[in-house]
Amino acid sequence: MGSKARLAKDLSPLINTMIKENQIKTYIEPFVGGANMIQHIICDTKIGSDNNEYLVHMWNAVKGGWIPPEEISKELYNEIKQNKDNFEKELVAVVGFCSTYNAKWFGGYAGKVDTKIGTVRDYYDEAVRNILKQVDQLKDVEFLNADYTHFSDYKNALIYCDPPYQGTTQYGTSNDFHYERFWDWVREMSYNNIVLVSEYNAPDDFEVIFEKTLTTTLDKNSRKKDTEKLFRYR
């Protein structure tokens, strides 16, 4: 949920061009999530952070060679959901994000389902295979468990932000994201860095430098079109 996999082919060349033209040495993603953007970025130092500690443990684990289980039963899903502290954090992450619909954190068990055309779709297997395909492209990424404000002292970096979109279903572990505080932080950071933000809307003092309309899936029965935009402080 909130994945930039479909937009990476459009946004990553734009970002890579900015990095090259401005001789940027550090690239930061404070909302790295599924790491679908950072895997395509070319920069000397790449930092991907997230405030979900389980997710960061998962990325560091798969980078170190950990292979997720081949299958997650509904019983195990429910056990881990109710007793996270009893399991390794990387396992909690892969269950919470991969064995659930649209990567919404423990948003309901999604295993094998029969499709309308008579085939079987395994949501968990698809998600895990996608993660393992990314590993080789993430070897040079430093994954941190940190909030975006952790980077407040950085200068001369390109910072790409993909926060929870305002007014949409939240995909993280909480629904209390402070948007005004975030936009103020972006303004402040923009004086010494290049800061880009993916969102549907932004305050009036931000300009759109890219946009594309995509069909988004909110759950297994709901689809709609939205215009993804990339903003920069004027």
Foldseek 3Di string as FASTA:
>chain_A
DLDCLVVLVPVQVVVQVVCVVLVFAEEEEQDCVLVNNVLSHDHNAYEYEHQQPLVLVQLVVVLVPDAADQFDDPVNLVVCVVCVVVDDSNNQQLSQQQQAWPRAGSNDGHAWDADPVGDIDGRSNVVRVVSNVSNVSCNRYHYYNDHPCVCLPDFRYEYEYSAQEPPADDRDDDDDDDVVVVVVSQVSRVVGYWYKYKYQDDDPQKDWPDKDKDWDDRGPPDIDIGIITIITGD
